[in-house]
């Protein structure tokens, strides 16, 4: 059902249920069309005309929500961009269009003052979407070679966020809005996802609510979902016909799938098809980092066997019972031993791996007993404090109380 077509009546019904189709993508919680006078008022705040495609979007819906995947090279990383909101006037919180316009005006005026120049009062970049204060999408409205470009801004996170951007960064999504919408995709089929969180979850819940509580016809809902799922990246076809190595974005989706499903055979198949594993896969994390962090240890071993690079700090990604075989392979291929990794392995119930890392640390000239004691005590204190907060309900944790208690016990009973 790749060629899904909707009648005028079906589109009108979807509109009644807050759904609008634009550039082959689904917008939900769609707002009423933006009046022409309002479009003109926004344009008056810009250094040039509003790109026609953006004006066309606003004439269909003044804002709404999106539920797709989007990744961009940014600051040397491969960054996931959260473009889940299309701003609209009067929206609560972070989605208010005029609020973001005013924010950009303040920033532009401050920048002009700092540089000792006059500001025209006109925006060169018009914010119209994003996610809260972390990610923002702009249309370039300044006349010139970049006019019409759709760009993304991402907020840098503190250094403690490993593999994340640590400085605010910009990246170009596409030369126009239609191209930007075309880059929105689904890394996996939301109808077959095994993850707790996945793109499509919010839209499917919205549609189910419209069906259950507002009478959206089930057949029309299924038809819309089939239309939506056309955005799922098909990596299997190019893998089968031998062209996947020439499609980096598609190959990245295949590799992410192999890691998510801990599929060593698929990793080997990708390697045989000429897919490269160099460079970042998610943020600054290499494929091996991602696999280790997701406890996809079979996929991680397959990656190492296929020659995928291993980062010096790869052992810092350990968060599960890593086997001594994989630990040995990582150490042999560039991972540097450190005392924190000993404690991580021990806490995760991988004592054999902890001893391997400890031996490597000793060979590197580290005074392991004293350094490990300090690292263990610090980790125990943090785990015990977190467990207390989880048990009293003041904090949640992905391990839960039982998992935290298990790690504490592992650390307490481990001996070098």
Protein backbone atom coordinates (compact mmCIF):
# COMPACT_ATOMS: atom_id res chain seq x y z
CA UNK A 1 0.00 0.00 0.00
CA UNK A 2 2.77 2.40 -1.00
CA UNK A 3 0.55 4.66 -3.09
CA UNK A 4 -1.97 5.90 -0.55
CA UNK A 5 -4.41 8.49 -1.89
CA UNK A 6 -7.07 10.42 0.01
CA UNK A 7 -10.30 11.84 -1.33
CA UNK A 8 -11.30 15.45 -0.61
CA UNK A 9 -13.89 14.09 1.82
CA UNK A 10 -11.30 12.03 3.68
CA UNK A 11 -8.93 14.99 3.91
CA UNK A 12 -11.76 17.12 5.27
CA UNK A 13 -12.57 14.45 7.87
CA UNK A 14 -8.93 14.25 8.92
CA UNK A 15 -8.87 18.04 9.19
CA UNK A 16 -11.83 17.83 11.58
CA UNK A 17 -9.74 15.46 13.70
CA UNK A 18 -6.75 17.80 13.75
CA UNK A 19 -4.72 16.05 11.03
CA UNK A 20 -3.24 17.78 7.99
CA UNK A 21 -1.05 16.30 5.26
CA UNK A 22 1.74 18.50 3.95
CA UNK A 23 4.60 17.52 1.64
CA UNK A 24 3.83 13.81 2.17
CA UNK A 25 4.12 14.11 5.94
CA UNK A 26 1.52 13.98 8.72
CA UNK A 27 0.87 16.94 11.01
CA UNK A 28 -1.38 16.29 14.00
CA UNK A 29 -2.93 18.60 16.58
CA UNK A 30 -3.05 20.84 13.51
CA UNK A 31 -4.21 24.38 14.18
CA UNK A 32 -6.60 26.40 12.02
CA UNK A 33 -5.06 28.10 8.97
CA UNK A 34 -3.14 31.29 9.61
CA UNK A 35 -4.96 34.39 8.37
CA UNK A 36 -3.30 36.27 5.51
CA UNK A 37 -3.06 39.38 7.65
CA UNK A 38 -1.06 37.47 10.25
CA UNK A 39 1.28 36.03 7.60
CA UNK A 40 1.84 39.59 6.37
CA UNK A 41 2.49 40.81 9.91
CA UNK A 42 5.14 38.14 10.44
CA UNK A 43 6.69 38.94 7.07
CA UNK A 44 6.94 42.58 8.11
CA UNK A 45 9.28 41.46 10.91
CA UNK A 46 11.61 39.68 8.46
CA UNK A 47 14.50 40.91 6.32
CA UNK A 48 12.91 39.35 3.25
CA UNK A 49 9.74 37.60 2.15
CA UNK A 50 8.53 34.47 3.89
CA UNK A 51 9.41 31.47 1.66
CA UNK A 52 6.35 30.45 -0.30
CA UNK A 53 6.37 26.87 1.00
CA UNK A 54 6.24 28.09 4.62
CA UNK A 55 3.40 30.49 3.79
CA UNK A 56 1.63 27.58 2.08
CA UNK A 57 2.05 25.45 5.20
CA UNK A 58 0.61 28.19 7.39
CA UNK A 59 -2.34 28.58 5.04
CA UNK A 60 -3.17 24.95 5.84
CA UNK A 61 -2.29 24.96 9.52
CA UNK A 62 -0.83 27.65 11.73
CA UNK A 63 1.05 24.97 13.71
CA UNK A 64 0.89 21.48 15.13
CA UNK A 65 3.01 18.45 15.91
CA UNK A 66 5.29 16.13 13.93
CA UNK A 67 6.52 12.65 14.89
CA UNK A 68 9.49 11.66 12.73
CA UNK A 69 13.22 11.00 12.98
CA UNK A 70 15.80 13.50 11.74
CA UNK A 71 19.59 13.40 12.03
CA UNK A 72 22.16 15.94 10.87
CA UNK A 73 25.93 16.23 10.85
CA UNK A 74 26.59 18.94 13.40
CA UNK A 75 29.74 19.96 15.22
CA UNK A 76 31.50 16.79 14.07
CA UNK A 77 28.69 14.63 15.47
CA UNK A 78 25.68 12.93 13.96
CA UNK A 79 22.93 14.59 15.96
CA UNK A 80 19.30 13.63 16.37
CA UNK A 81 17.15 16.72 15.86
CA UNK A 82 13.84 16.90 17.68
CA UNK A 83 11.51 18.63 15.23
CA UNK A 84 8.30 17.66 16.96
CA UNK A 85 6.62 21.07 17.09
CA UNK A 86 5.40 23.59 14.56
CA UNK A 87 5.00 26.79 16.57
CA UNK A 88 1.70 28.62 16.65
CA UNK A 89 0.37 31.85 18.10
CA UNK A 90 -1.05 31.56 21.58
CA UNK A 91 0.40 28.12 22.26
CA UNK A 92 1.22 27.37 25.87
CA UNK A 93 4.83 27.11 26.91
CA UNK A 94 7.60 26.60 24.41
CA UNK A 95 5.50 26.42 21.25
CA UNK A 96 4.38 30.03 20.98
CA UNK A 97 5.35 31.41 17.57
CA UNK A 98 5.39 35.10 18.44
CA UNK A 99 7.22 34.31 21.67
CA UNK A 100 10.08 32.73 19.71
CA UNK A 101 10.07 35.59 17.20
CA UNK A 102 10.40 38.06 20.08
CA UNK A 103 13.20 35.94 21.55
CA UNK A 104 15.13 36.08 18.26
CA UNK A 105 14.59 39.82 18.02
CA UNK A 106 16.06 40.31 21.49
CA UNK A 107 19.09 38.16 20.63
CA UNK A 108 19.66 39.99 17.34
CA UNK A 109 19.47 43.37 19.05
CA UNK A 110 21.87 42.28 21.81
CA UNK A 111 24.34 40.94 19.24
CA UNK A 112 24.23 44.21 17.31
CA UNK A 113 24.86 46.22 20.46
CA UNK A 114 27.79 44.01 21.46
CA UNK A 115 29.32 44.45 18.00
CA UNK A 116 28.71 48.21 18.01
CA UNK A 117 26.47 48.26 14.97
CA UNK A 118 22.92 49.28 14.22
CA UNK A 119 20.28 46.58 13.91
CA UNK A 120 17.70 46.83 11.15
CA UNK A 121 14.98 45.41 13.38
CA UNK A 122 14.39 42.65 10.86
CA UNK A 123 14.94 38.93 11.41
CA UNK A 124 17.28 37.04 9.08
CA UNK A 125 16.22 33.66 10.49
CA UNK A 126 12.56 32.99 11.25
CA UNK A 127 11.93 30.36 13.96
CA UNK A 128 8.89 28.21 13.24
CA UNK A 129 9.46 24.81 14.87
CA UNK A 130 11.60 22.64 17.11
CA UNK A 131 11.36 21.13 20.57
CA UNK A 132 11.12 23.14 23.78
CA UNK A 133 14.32 25.18 24.28
CA UNK A 134 16.69 22.44 23.05
CA UNK A 135 16.18 22.30 19.28
CA UNK A 136 14.92 24.99 16.92
CA UNK A 137 14.09 25.07 13.22
CA UNK A 138 14.48 28.25 11.17
CA UNK A 139 13.73 29.49 7.67
CA UNK A 140 16.38 31.84 6.29
CA UNK A 141 14.49 35.00 5.26
CA UNK A 142 17.47 37.19 4.41
CA UNK A 143 17.86 37.80 0.67
CA UNK A 144 20.97 36.14 -0.66
CA UNK A 145 22.34 32.72 -1.60
CA UNK A 146 21.02 31.05 1.57
CA UNK A 147 17.50 32.48 1.28
CA UNK A 148 14.87 29.80 1.89
CA UNK A 149 17.27 27.39 3.58
CA UNK A 150 15.83 25.45 6.49
CA UNK A 151 18.36 25.26 9.30
CA UNK A 152 18.45 23.58 12.71
CA UNK A 153 19.92 24.96 15.92
CA UNK A 154 20.74 22.59 18.78
CA UNK A 155 21.44 23.52 22.38
CA UNK A 156 24.78 22.29 23.72
CA UNK A 157 24.66 20.14 26.84
CA UNK A 158 27.03 20.06 29.84
CA UNK A 159 30.22 17.96 29.56
CA UNK A 160 28.70 15.26 31.75
CA UNK A 161 26.49 14.30 28.79
CA UNK A 162 28.90 11.89 27.12
CA UNK A 163 28.88 11.92 23.30
CA UNK A 164 26.50 14.91 23.17
CA UNK A 165 27.15 18.32 21.67
CA UNK A 166 28.71 20.56 24.29
CA UNK A 167 28.32 23.81 22.34
CA UNK A 168 25.31 25.31 20.59
CA UNK A 169 25.49 24.30 16.93
CA UNK A 170 23.82 24.96 13.58
CA UNK A 171 23.21 22.68 10.61
CA UNK A 172 21.38 23.00 7.30
CA UNK A 173 18.51 20.55 6.83
CA UNK A 174 17.61 21.37 3.23
CA UNK A 175 17.56 24.29 0.76
CA UNK A 176 13.78 24.69 1.17
CA UNK A 177 10.87 23.58 3.33
CA UNK A 178 9.66 20.85 0.97
CA UNK A 179 13.14 19.37 0.99
CA UNK A 180 13.25 19.64 4.78
CA UNK A 181 9.98 17.74 5.11
CA UNK A 182 11.37 15.09 2.76
CA UNK A 183 14.26 14.48 5.17
CA UNK A 184 11.82 13.61 7.95
CA UNK A 185 11.72 9.83 8.14
CA UNK A 186 11.15 6.84 10.40
CA UNK A 187 14.19 4.78 11.33
CA UNK A 188 11.97 1.82 12.16
CA UNK A 189 8.40 0.70 11.58
CA UNK A 190 6.37 2.06 14.51
CA UNK A 191 3.93 -0.83 14.16
CA UNK A 192 6.69 -3.33 14.82
CA UNK A 193 8.88 -1.47 17.29
CA UNK A 194 10.16 -3.36 20.32
CA UNK A 195 11.50 -0.21 22.00
CA UNK A 196 9.84 1.51 24.93
CA UNK A 197 10.09 4.84 23.13
CA UNK A 198 9.99 5.28 19.37
CA UNK A 199 9.00 7.73 16.68
CA UNK A 200 5.35 7.24 15.83
CA UNK A 201 4.32 6.55 19.41
CA UNK A 202 2.80 10.00 19.94
CA UNK A 203 0.93 10.02 16.62
CA UNK A 204 -0.46 6.49 17.08
CA UNK A 205 -1.70 7.40 20.56
CA UNK A 206 -3.28 10.59 19.23
CA UNK A 207 -5.09 8.69 16.48
CA UNK A 208 -6.24 6.01 18.89
CA UNK A 209 -7.70 8.72 21.13
CA UNK A 210 -9.45 10.30 18.14
CA UNK A 211 -10.92 6.90 17.26
CA UNK A 212 -11.94 5.93 20.79
CA UNK A 213 -13.21 9.29 22.02
CA UNK A 214 -14.06 11.31 18.91
CA UNK A 215 -15.29 8.79 16.37
CA UNK A 216 -12.45 8.77 13.83
CA UNK A 217 -13.31 5.95 11.43
CA UNK A 218 -11.02 2.95 11.95
CA UNK A 219 -10.51 2.34 8.23
CA UNK A 220 -9.53 5.95 7.65
CA UNK A 221 -7.21 5.81 10.65
CA UNK A 222 -5.53 2.66 9.28
CA UNK A 223 -5.20 4.31 5.89
CA UNK A 224 -3.52 7.32 7.47
CA UNK A 225 -1.11 5.08 9.40
CA UNK A 226 -0.22 3.30 6.16
CA UNK A 227 0.47 6.69 4.57
CA UNK A 228 2.56 7.72 7.57
CA UNK A 229 4.60 4.50 7.47
CA UNK A 230 5.74 5.25 3.92
CA UNK A 231 8.40 7.34 5.66
CA UNK A 232 10.03 4.21 7.13
CA UNK A 233 13.56 3.91 5.73
CA UNK A 234 13.88 0.80 3.55
CA UNK A 235 17.43 -0.44 3.98
CA UNK A 236 16.69 -4.06 3.13
CA UNK A 237 16.20 -3.43 -0.60
CA UNK A 238 19.51 -1.62 -1.17
CA UNK A 239 21.25 -4.19 1.05
CA UNK A 240 19.89 -6.94 -1.18
CA UNK A 241 20.77 -5.22 -4.46
CA UNK A 242 24.24 -4.15 -3.36
CA UNK A 243 23.75 -0.38 -3.31
CA UNK A 244 23.53 0.23 0.44
CA UNK A 245 27.17 1.28 0.76
CA UNK A 246 26.38 4.32 -1.41
CA UNK A 247 23.50 5.46 0.82
CA UNK A 248 25.03 6.66 4.11
CA UNK A 249 21.79 7.74 5.78
CA UNK A 250 20.07 4.48 4.88
CA UNK A 251 23.11 2.45 5.93
CA UNK A 252 23.11 4.24 9.27
CA UNK A 253 19.48 3.18 9.80
CA UNK A 254 20.42 -0.42 9.01
CA UNK A 255 23.32 -0.31 11.46
CA UNK A 256 21.15 1.20 14.17
CA UNK A 257 18.66 -1.62 13.60
CA UNK A 258 21.41 -4.23 13.87
CA UNK A 259 22.51 -2.75 17.19
CA UNK A 260 18.97 -2.30 18.52
CA UNK A 261 18.23 -5.97 17.81
CA UNK A 262 21.75 -7.16 18.80
CA UNK A 263 22.01 -8.87 15.43
CA UNK A 264 25.59 -10.00 14.86
CA UNK A 265 24.68 -11.66 11.55
CA UNK A 266 23.29 -8.41 10.18
CA UNK A 267 26.44 -6.55 11.24
CA UNK A 268 28.51 -9.11 9.32
CA UNK A 269 26.18 -8.79 6.33
CA UNK A 270 26.53 -5.00 6.36
CA UNK A 271 30.31 -5.32 6.51
CA UNK A 272 30.28 -7.76 3.59
CA UNK A 273 28.13 -5.30 1.63
CA UNK A 274 30.83 -2.64 2.00
CA UNK A 275 29.09 -0.51 4.62
CA UNK A 276 31.69 1.47 6.54
CA UNK A 277 31.63 1.70 10.32
CA UNK A 278 33.94 4.71 10.65
CA UNK A 279 32.83 7.99 12.16
CA UNK A 280 30.09 8.77 14.66
CA UNK A 281 26.78 6.91 14.61
CA UNK A 282 24.89 8.75 17.34
CA UNK A 283 26.24 12.04 18.62
CA UNK A 284 30.00 11.53 18.81
CA UNK A 285 29.60 7.84 19.71
CA UNK A 286 31.06 5.28 17.35
CA UNK A 287 29.03 2.21 16.42
CA UNK A 288 30.95 0.15 18.97
CA UNK A 289 30.20 2.75 21.69
CA UNK A 290 26.50 2.62 20.87
CA UNK A 291 26.41 -1.18 20.87
CA UNK A 292 28.25 -1.43 24.20
CA UNK A 293 26.00 1.20 25.80
CA UNK A 294 22.88 -0.67 24.66
CA UNK A 295 24.23 -4.02 25.93
CA UNK A 296 24.19 -5.25 22.33
CA UNK A 297 27.29 -7.28 23.02
CA UNK A 298 26.89 -9.74 20.13
CA UNK A 299 26.64 -6.82 17.71
CA UNK A 300 29.60 -5.12 19.40
CA UNK A 301 31.77 -8.20 18.97
CA UNK A 302 30.72 -8.49 15.33
CA UNK A 303 31.65 -4.83 14.82
CA UNK A 304 35.10 -5.33 16.31
CA UNK A 305 35.62 -8.44 14.17
CA UNK A 306 34.62 -6.43 11.11
CA UNK A 307 37.27 -3.83 11.87
CA UNK A 308 35.01 -1.12 13.29
CA UNK A 309 37.06 1.46 15.21
CA UNK A 310 37.14 1.24 18.99
CA UNK A 311 37.40 4.51 20.91
CA UNK A 312 39.97 4.95 23.62
CA UNK A 313 37.16 5.56 26.13
CA UNK A 314 34.97 2.69 24.88
CA UNK A 315 34.96 0.99 28.29
CA UNK A 316 33.16 4.03 29.66
CA UNK A 317 30.03 2.92 27.76
CA UNK A 318 29.70 -0.35 29.71
CA UNK A 319 26.29 -0.71 31.36
CA UNK A 320 25.73 -4.47 31.45
CA UNK A 321 27.31 -7.88 31.91
CA UNK A 322 30.00 -7.59 29.28
CA UNK A 323 31.77 -10.84 28.47
CA UNK A 324 35.50 -11.31 29.02
CA UNK A 325 35.84 -12.14 25.31
CA UNK A 326 34.44 -8.77 24.25
CA UNK A 327 36.42 -6.96 26.93
CA UNK A 328 39.61 -8.60 25.67
CA UNK A 329 38.75 -7.65 22.08
CA UNK A 330 38.11 -4.03 23.04
CA UNK A 331 41.36 -3.76 24.97
CA UNK A 332 43.22 -5.30 22.05
CA UNK A 333 41.75 -2.82 19.57
CA UNK A 334 42.27 0.55 21.20
CA UNK A 335 40.18 0.75 24.36
CA UNK A 336 42.26 2.17 27.20
CA UNK A 337 41.91 0.57 30.63
CA UNK A 338 40.90 2.70 33.58
CA UNK A 339 39.83 2.14 37.15
CA UNK A 340 36.31 3.46 36.55
CA UNK A 341 35.79 0.63 34.05
CA UNK A 342 36.83 -1.92 36.67
CA UNK A 343 34.11 -0.58 38.97
CA UNK A 344 31.54 -0.51 36.16
CA UNK A 345 32.23 -4.12 35.20
CA UNK A 346 32.08 -5.20 38.82
CA UNK A 347 28.82 -3.33 39.47
CA UNK A 348 27.23 -4.81 36.33
CA UNK A 349 28.00 -8.36 37.45
CA UNK A 350 30.93 -8.97 35.11
CA UNK A 351 33.77 -9.82 37.51
CA UNK A 352 35.85 -11.64 34.89
CA UNK A 353 35.87 -8.52 32.73
CA UNK A 354 36.65 -6.38 35.78
CA UNK A 355 39.74 -8.49 36.45
CA UNK A 356 40.84 -8.21 32.82
CA UNK A 357 40.60 -4.42 32.98
CA UNK A 358 42.39 -4.41 36.35
CA UNK A 359 45.26 -6.46 34.87
CA UNK A 360 45.50 -4.02 31.94
CA UNK A 361 45.54 -1.08 34.37
CA UNK A 362 48.37 -2.69 36.33
CA UNK A 363 50.34 -3.16 33.12
CA UNK A 364 49.78 0.52 32.40
CA UNK A 365 51.42 1.42 35.70
CA UNK A 366 48.27 2.29 37.67
CA UNK A 367 48.18 1.62 41.41
CA UNK A 368 44.99 -0.39 41.08
CA UNK A 369 44.14 -1.32 44.71
CA UNK A 370 44.07 2.21 46.12
CA UNK A 371 42.56 3.79 43.01
CA UNK A 372 39.86 1.13 42.78
CA UNK A 373 38.95 1.49 46.45
CA UNK A 374 38.33 5.21 45.98
CA UNK A 375 36.34 4.64 42.75
CA UNK A 376 34.28 1.83 44.31
CA UNK A 377 33.43 3.89 47.39
CA UNK A 378 32.36 6.87 45.29
CA UNK A 379 30.21 4.68 43.05
CA UNK A 380 28.64 2.93 46.05
CA UNK A 381 27.78 6.26 47.65
CA UNK A 382 26.11 7.45 44.44
CA UNK A 383 24.19 4.18 43.93
CA UNK A 384 23.02 4.09 47.55
CA UNK A 385 21.83 7.70 47.43
CA UNK A 386 19.96 7.04 44.19
CA UNK A 387 18.39 3.87 45.60
CA UNK A 388 17.14 5.81 48.61
CA UNK A 389 15.50 8.40 46.34
CA UNK A 390 13.93 5.70 44.15
CA UNK A 391 12.52 3.92 47.18
CA UNK A 392 11.02 7.08 48.65
CA UNK A 393 9.54 8.02 45.29
CA UNK A 394 11.44 11.26 44.80
CA UNK A 395 13.29 10.01 41.72
CA UNK A 396 12.91 7.44 38.99
CA UNK A 397 15.74 5.37 37.52
CA UNK A 398 15.97 3.07 34.51
CA UNK A 399 17.37 0.24 36.69
CA UNK A 400 14.62 0.48 39.28
CA UNK A 401 15.15 -0.24 42.96
CA UNK A 402 15.90 -3.91 42.34
CA UNK A 403 18.53 -3.20 39.69
CA UNK A 404 20.22 -0.56 41.81
CA UNK A 405 20.33 -2.89 44.82
CA UNK A 406 21.83 -5.61 42.64
CA UNK A 407 24.63 -3.33 41.46
CA UNK A 408 25.36 -2.27 45.04
CA UNK A 409 25.64 -5.93 46.07
CA UNK A 410 27.92 -6.73 43.13
CA UNK A 411 30.25 -3.87 44.06
CA UNK A 412 30.28 -4.74 47.74
CA UNK A 413 31.17 -8.38 47.13
CA UNK A 414 33.72 -7.88 44.33
CA UNK A 415 37.35 -8.51 45.19
CA UNK A 416 40.35 -7.69 43.06
